[in-house]
Amino acid sequence: MVVSTTTILSLVLTVVLGYAIAKLVPFFYKRWQWRRRLDPHFVHWPISWITGSLTQVGCSGDLCIDFVFVQFSSLEDLCGKSQKFATEGHKAFMWWIGPLRCIISCFHPDTAKVMLRSSEPKASGGGGYEFLRPWIGDGLLVSEGKKWERNRRLLTPGFHFEILHGYIPIYNRVVEVLMDKCERQSHGEVYVAVENPVLVAALDTMLRCALSYEDNIQEKGENHPYLKAVRKLGQLLIKRSLNPLLYPDFIYSRTKDGKVNKELCDYVHDFAMRIITSRKQKLAEKEDGDKANTKRHLDFLDILLTARDEEGHGLTDREIRDEVDTFMFAGHDTTSTTLGWCLYALGSYPDIQQRVYEDVHKVMGDRTEVTWEDLSGFQYLPLFIRETMRRYTPVPMISREVSSPISLDGVDIPKGVMTDIPLYQLHNNPHVWKEPEKFCPERFEKSVFADRDPYVYVPFSAGPRNCIGQNFAMNEIKTMVARIVHRFQLEADPSIDPHPYPEVTLRAKNGIHIKFTRRSQ
């Protein structure tokens, strides 16, 4: 019997359609259950079964922007709309991305702490952390489960105080170059756009501390191939996140951007692997009795290469590369963002700048370099940095995916629901902070802050998945801010509103422009 082509096609279509129905019906039924279960318990905007809440947060009908960037596509618009919920006393609200994704947004410490205390995985899928994997692999930022637990234990010694101590001279050398560049451009007369110089300085610090890599990156600036690569990768990450048509890997890999992304990832990986291979050879030579290592400090790569778990197993070359790439990605952008906003705050509030200067001068005197002991001697400077990170939270939002049912504000949240913690809103919530729009470092004095819920302020996240490098970052920021304010009087350009807006970090839409005038000693 001859089977016609039409019959074969009909059978194939029937099988495909049946498979699709078998998958889609349970998928949408589960979301219908979520909607019915959660609707009565969480305040929300009007929800459409087609667009969800997208029309409420500025998403056009022809472009379903990814949930991370829908929420923060217009900081003022979103905060204005969702702040109403906070003003009414709510601690979380619900919103939907079309009919597909339910998000519980936790902008109060009582709800945020539930997710932060858990080891829930970072949100994956469209526009979440999954798009980072081609770049940073399975590093701490995106790994989960037993692998995350093991590698977190292995990496923790790399951030002990005896290791961090050795980085202080590096911070001093890097900021010296940064200050010279800014002074040459400003001459006490011109307002300098500081975001790019600060970004390059932060990357220079990370390369030196992570890999002992020195290549005059600040002098080469944006022309350095590694800097060009990581900046372009960040731009491609955001661009893809904003276009759901590019979410599937099999589509994205065939686009021009996808091919560029792969080329840049290959370059970054090769850059790291060349240094890793060279360092392993040097360690082997040292073990064979060659001349002792003359480096003055252990870097992050040394720790990765020598780390061993309970069974004596170390990290594979791929794991080492993933952690190096993660450290570089997570470290330089957030630190440079914080430093940029610190300079803006110093230049915008002269009285506060004077108090920071007096604190720094009291500790350093006429010395030009910051020492390890100085870091614990500063009193007002840490308050200033904390307030900067509250008012201008460097990472505006983090997200989690509920992997098992969890109780949130007395409501059982089912597995699969997304939660986000908008740190910017948490740190500027009027029910949590008195006059949150006011820049007031004194709110972090021990007598004021000691009895507060620790989850009111979480710029480095909190709980088991907090930022492993937060002490490294704070030491770097303290050193750089202290050196800069010790040498210069800063003035922000009063004619330019920086206009905070979110990308991966909190950017200044109009830039941060600072005049540097050398102090008379």
Foldseek 3Di string as FASTA:
>chain_A
DDDDPVNVVVVVVVVVVVVCCVPVVVQLVVLVVQCVQCVVPFDDDDQDLFAWCLVQQPHDPVFQFFPVCSCFVPVVSNCVVCLVCLVVPDQWHWTDGRSHAIEIEGQALQQQVQVLQDQFFFDDAQLTCPLCCLQLNQALNGHGDPVNVQVCVLQLVCQDPVQLQLLQVVLQVLLVVLLVVQCVVFVLNFWDQCLQLLLQSLLQSLCCQAQVDDDPSSVCGCVPLLNVLLVLLLVLSQVRSGGVVCRDPVVLCPDPSNVSNNVSSVVLLVVVLVSLVVVVVVVVVVVVPPDDDPDPHDHSSNSQVPGAGPVRDGDDSSRSSSNSSVCSNVGSQLLSLLLLLLLLVLQVDVVLLVVQLVQLCVQQPPNQADHPVSVVSRDLLVLQSQLSCLQFVFQQKTKGFAQAWDAGPNRTDHGGHIYMYRSNSLSQNCVQDPPSNDRDSCCPPCVNPVPHDPSSRQSQRDHPSGNSCPVSSVSSSSRSVSNQSNFWRKHWDPVDQQPWGDDSTTGRNRGTIIRTDTDDD
